[in-house]
Amino acid sequence: MTINVRNPGDERAEAFIAHSGPKESSKTVVNIQFDDALLARIDADALRLGISRTEWLHVAANGMLERAKIEGGNPLLLVFA
């Protein structure tokens, strides 16, 4: 399921995303597989926050990397500990 709905808070969400991590010089399209139930949870949360699935994934990935940098160590150990 793709979420293409634009909400009134989109500009605010996009500004948040723009400042959520280091500036990238380019973007690459990637194809990844998700469990259907996990993707449904991501989509529901993205809709709740008024952001796109891609924006949600950017924030989640950046947050995990930043947390690992601050706390040190392997980011997977922080999630599964």
Foldseek 3Di string as FASTA:
>chain_A
DFDDDADPCAVVLVVCLCPLDDDDPDDDDDDDDDDPVVLVVLCVVCVVVRHGSVSSVSNVVSVLVVVCVVVPDDSVVVVVD
